[in-house]
Amino acid sequence: MNIKVCGMTTPENIKEVAQLAPAYLGFIFYEKSPRNFTGSIPEIPKSIKKTGVFVDAPIAFILDKIKQFDFQAVQLHGTESPVLCHQLKEHHPTIEIFKVFSIKDQFDFSVLTPYEKSVDYFLFDTKGKEKGGNGYTFDWNVLKGYTASIPFILSGGIGIMEISAIKDFLREPQAALLHALDVNSKFEIQPGIKDHALVAEFITEIKKITSPSNTTSKNR
């Protein structure tokens, strides 16, 4: 199971979390966010995909940040169009594009169809007051209605207390397309600063429930 740690801000904390080898580290470029990134990214292992997170930013701004920070993934957290997603792919064919959609108690999955040819993953987050980092989960049962073939990322209020719920979710058919878990506010000492020990605990627990031996026993 891939883990994405989002909302990184300081070089020291970036280095600490990078030592835990998550699949992705996210950097938010949105001035209204308390985790808005304005610094520099220290050298981190090549295995970690640096991810730029944007909210309705002009494509020129996104392309500039991709070039500046050598991002391997881009997360679009606003009302970005399928056209913009396609344009990003044309400029950077190998970059991973996550298109975010917010969910509460229900969702019309037909809105995803125009994006299917231009994105690599859908990211499902909790619909709330803020553009991410709201600190609570949505009803994952809604994803029983997911019929697209594109893998998705699960986000929104995921923390240590959700381990049991994640384990239950992984037994569901819709979890077959789950690509990654995206964590943020539940692991913070303060906005933008992650408790790396807590992140380490989470990664360890996720490895336990997604290990081949666990999967084998689950399917007996």
Protein backbone atom coordinates (compact mmCIF):
# COMPACT_ATOMS: atom_id res chain seq x y z
CA MET A 1 0.00 0.00 0.00
CA ASN A 2 1.40 3.37 -1.02
CA ILE A 3 1.39 6.21 1.50
CA LYS A 4 1.31 9.90 0.60
CA VAL A 5 2.19 12.41 3.31
CA CYS A 6 0.84 15.80 2.31
CA GLY A 7 1.28 19.36 3.52
CA MET A 8 5.04 19.34 4.10
CA THR A 9 6.63 22.72 4.79
CA THR A 10 10.08 22.75 6.43
CA PRO A 11 13.35 21.18 5.22
CA GLU A 12 14.00 19.52 8.59
CA ASN A 13 10.59 17.89 8.76
CA ILE A 14 10.75 16.88 5.10
CA LYS A 15 14.01 15.03 5.78
CA GLU A 16 12.56 13.31 8.87
CA VAL A 17 9.48 12.06 7.06
CA ALA A 18 11.46 11.12 3.94
CA GLN A 19 13.47 8.68 6.07
CA LEU A 20 10.24 6.69 6.49
CA ALA A 21 10.11 6.14 2.71
CA PRO A 22 6.52 7.10 1.87
CA ALA A 23 5.63 6.76 -1.81
CA TYR A 24 4.75 10.45 -2.11
CA LEU A 25 5.43 13.73 -0.31
CA GLY A 26 2.97 16.54 -1.02
CA PHE A 27 3.70 20.28 -1.19
CA ILE A 28 0.73 22.65 -1.25
CA PHE A 29 0.75 25.81 -3.34
CA TYR A 30 -2.39 27.57 -2.15
CA GLU A 31 -2.06 30.83 -0.23
CA LYS A 32 -5.24 30.25 1.80
CA SER A 33 -3.82 27.04 3.24
CA PRO A 34 -1.93 27.07 6.57
CA ARG A 35 0.36 24.54 4.85
CA ASN A 36 1.15 26.76 1.87
CA PHE A 37 4.66 25.92 0.68
CA THR A 38 7.11 28.78 0.19
CA GLY A 39 10.48 27.22 0.96
CA SER A 40 12.95 24.85 -0.63
CA ILE A 41 12.87 21.08 -0.85
CA PRO A 42 15.99 19.31 0.39
CA GLU A 43 17.36 16.32 -1.47
CA ILE A 44 15.25 13.23 -0.78
CA PRO A 45 15.40 9.64 -2.06
CA LYS A 46 14.51 9.24 -5.74
CA SER A 47 11.96 6.57 -4.75
CA ILE A 48 9.75 9.26 -3.19
CA LYS A 49 7.62 11.10 -5.71
CA LYS A 50 7.47 14.82 -5.00
CA THR A 51 3.91 16.01 -5.53
CA GLY A 52 2.78 19.56 -6.15
CA VAL A 53 -0.73 20.32 -4.87
CA PHE A 54 -2.68 23.11 -6.55
CA VAL A 55 -6.14 24.68 -6.26
CA ASP A 56 -7.44 26.28 -9.47
CA ALA A 57 -3.99 27.62 -10.31
CA PRO A 58 -3.18 28.86 -13.83
CA ILE A 59 -1.44 26.22 -15.92
CA ALA A 60 1.61 28.48 -16.31
CA PHE A 61 1.99 28.56 -12.52
CA ILE A 62 1.72 24.77 -12.27
CA LEU A 63 4.25 24.24 -15.05
CA ASP A 64 6.64 26.68 -13.39
CA LYS A 65 6.49 24.78 -10.09
CA ILE A 66 6.95 21.43 -11.85
CA LYS A 67 10.13 22.79 -13.41
CA GLN A 68 11.36 24.51 -10.26
CA PHE A 69 10.92 21.51 -7.94
CA ASP A 70 11.12 18.61 -10.40
CA PHE A 71 7.72 17.25 -9.38
CA GLN A 72 6.86 13.71 -10.41
CA ALA A 73 3.18 14.12 -9.58
CA VAL A 74 0.60 16.90 -9.57
CA GLN A 75 -2.54 16.97 -7.45
CA LEU A 76 -5.38 19.19 -8.65
CA HIS A 77 -7.64 20.10 -5.73
CA GLY A 78 -10.01 22.61 -7.28
CA THR A 79 -12.45 22.73 -10.18
CA GLU A 80 -9.77 22.09 -12.82
CA SER A 81 -11.16 20.97 -16.18
CA PRO A 82 -10.38 17.81 -18.16
CA VAL A 83 -8.80 20.16 -20.73
CA LEU A 84 -6.28 21.44 -18.20
CA CYS A 85 -5.44 17.88 -17.16
CA HIS A 86 -4.89 16.99 -20.81
CA GLN A 87 -2.67 20.04 -21.33
CA LEU A 88 -0.50 19.05 -18.36
CA LYS A 89 -0.11 15.56 -19.81
CA GLU A 90 0.91 17.03 -23.15
CA HIS A 91 3.63 19.09 -21.45
CA HIS A 92 4.75 16.27 -19.11
CA PRO A 93 3.64 12.85 -20.41
CA THR A 94 5.31 10.93 -17.57
CA ILE A 95 4.01 13.01 -14.69
CA GLU A 96 1.29 11.48 -12.51
CA ILE A 97 -1.89 13.54 -12.29
CA PHE A 98 -4.27 13.21 -9.34
CA LYS A 99 -7.67 14.86 -9.74
CA VAL A 100 -9.42 15.46 -6.44
CA PHE A 101 -13.13 15.13 -5.82
CA SER A 102 -14.72 15.80 -2.44
CA ILE A 103 -17.31 13.47 -0.95
CA LYS A 104 -19.60 13.59 2.06
CA ASP A 105 -22.61 11.26 2.15
CA GLN A 106 -23.18 10.73 -1.58
CA PHE A 107 -21.50 11.35 -4.92
CA ASP A 108 -22.35 11.34 -8.62
CA PHE A 109 -19.52 9.29 -10.11
CA SER A 110 -20.58 10.18 -13.66
CA VAL A 111 -18.72 13.50 -13.26
CA LEU A 112 -15.45 11.53 -13.40
CA THR A 113 -15.96 10.26 -16.95
CA PRO A 114 -14.55 13.31 -18.83
CA TYR A 115 -11.33 13.04 -16.81
CA GLU A 116 -10.61 9.35 -17.33
CA LYS A 117 -8.34 9.80 -20.36
CA SER A 118 -6.24 12.56 -18.80
CA VAL A 119 -5.58 11.57 -15.18
CA ASP A 120 -3.67 8.73 -13.56
CA TYR A 121 -5.58 8.62 -10.28
CA PHE A 122 -8.69 10.07 -8.75
CA LEU A 123 -8.26 11.26 -5.17
CA PHE A 124 -11.34 11.18 -2.96
CA ASP A 125 -11.27 13.61 -0.06
CA THR A 126 -13.76 14.75 2.56
CA LYS A 127 -16.05 17.60 1.56
CA GLY A 128 -15.64 20.29 4.21
CA LYS A 129 -14.96 23.94 4.92
CA GLU A 130 -11.34 23.76 3.76
CA LYS A 131 -9.73 22.51 0.54
CA GLY A 132 -8.33 19.45 2.32
CA GLY A 133 -6.99 19.02 5.85
CA ASN A 134 -10.47 19.07 7.40
CA GLY A 135 -9.54 16.27 9.79
CA TYR A 136 -12.43 13.86 9.36
CA THR A 137 -13.35 11.02 7.03
CA PHE A 138 -16.24 10.73 4.61
CA ASP A 139 -18.47 7.66 4.38
CA TRP A 140 -16.30 5.18 2.48
CA ASN A 141 -19.39 3.11 1.68
CA VAL A 142 -20.11 5.72 -0.99
CA LEU A 143 -17.24 4.20 -2.99
CA LYS A 144 -19.34 1.10 -3.60
CA GLY A 145 -20.73 3.16 -6.47
CA TYR A 146 -17.31 3.65 -8.06
CA THR A 147 -17.34 2.00 -11.49
CA ALA A 148 -14.34 3.59 -13.23
CA SER A 149 -11.27 1.50 -14.02
CA ILE A 150 -8.76 4.15 -12.88
CA PRO A 151 -7.12 3.51 -9.49
CA PHE A 152 -7.93 5.95 -6.71
CA ILE A 153 -6.33 7.49 -3.64
CA LEU A 154 -8.21 7.65 -0.35
CA SER A 155 -7.87 10.85 1.65
CA GLY A 156 -9.63 12.86 4.33
CA GLY A 157 -9.08 12.56 8.08
CA ILE A 158 -7.06 9.36 7.96
CA GLY A 159 -5.02 8.73 11.11
CA ILE A 160 -3.99 6.03 13.55
CA MET A 161 -7.57 5.68 14.80
CA GLU A 162 -8.69 4.72 11.27
CA ILE A 163 -6.45 1.62 11.03
CA SER A 164 -9.31 -0.74 11.88
CA ALA A 165 -11.63 0.97 9.37
CA ILE A 166 -8.92 0.74 6.69
CA LYS A 167 -8.54 -2.97 7.40
CA ASP A 168 -12.30 -3.43 6.96
CA PHE A 169 -12.32 -1.33 3.78
CA LEU A 170 -9.57 -3.46 2.23
CA ARG A 171 -11.92 -6.45 2.42
CA GLU A 172 -14.42 -4.68 0.16
CA PRO A 173 -14.43 -5.23 -3.64
CA GLN A 174 -14.02 -1.52 -4.34
CA ALA A 175 -10.67 -1.56 -2.51
CA ALA A 176 -9.13 -3.50 -5.41
CA LEU A 177 -8.41 -0.17 -7.14
CA LEU A 178 -7.04 1.58 -4.05
CA HIS A 179 -3.60 2.93 -5.02
CA ALA A 180 -2.63 4.93 -1.95
CA LEU A 181 -3.64 6.44 1.38
CA ASP A 182 -3.16 10.19 1.71
CA VAL A 183 -2.48 11.50 5.23
CA ASN A 184 -2.09 15.01 6.54
CA SER A 185 -3.72 16.81 9.48
CA LYS A 186 -4.11 13.79 11.81
CA PHE A 187 -0.30 13.53 11.99
CA GLU A 188 0.53 17.14 12.70
CA ILE A 189 2.21 18.79 15.66
CA GLN A 190 1.08 22.05 14.06
CA PRO A 191 -0.08 22.86 10.51
CA GLY A 192 2.65 21.79 8.10
CA ILE A 193 4.78 19.99 10.71
CA LYS A 194 4.34 16.22 10.91
CA ASP A 195 5.03 14.01 13.93
CA HIS A 196 7.41 11.63 12.16
CA ALA A 197 7.13 9.04 14.96
CA LEU A 198 3.36 8.94 14.50
CA VAL A 199 3.77 8.66 10.72
CA ALA A 200 6.23 5.79 11.29
CA GLU A 201 3.70 4.00 13.50
CA PHE A 202 1.01 4.40 10.85
CA ILE A 203 3.22 3.07 8.06
CA THR A 204 4.17 0.07 10.22
CA GLU A 205 0.54 -0.75 10.95
CA ILE A 206 -0.47 -0.40 7.30
CA LYS A 207 2.34 -2.76 6.29
CA LYS A 208 1.01 -5.31 8.78
CA ILE A 209 -2.53 -5.33 7.38
CA THR A 210 -1.41 -5.32 3.75
CA SER A 211 1.34 -7.92 4.04
CA PRO A 212 1.10 -11.04 1.81
CA SER A 213 0.61 -13.28 4.85
CA ASN A 214 -2.34 -11.18 6.02
CA THR A 215 -3.84 -11.20 2.51
CA THR A 216 -3.45 -14.95 2.29
CA SER A 217 -5.18 -15.59 5.60
CA LYS A 218 -7.93 -13.13 4.65
CA ASN A 219 -8.72 -15.09 1.49
CA ARG A 220 -8.85 -18.54 3.08
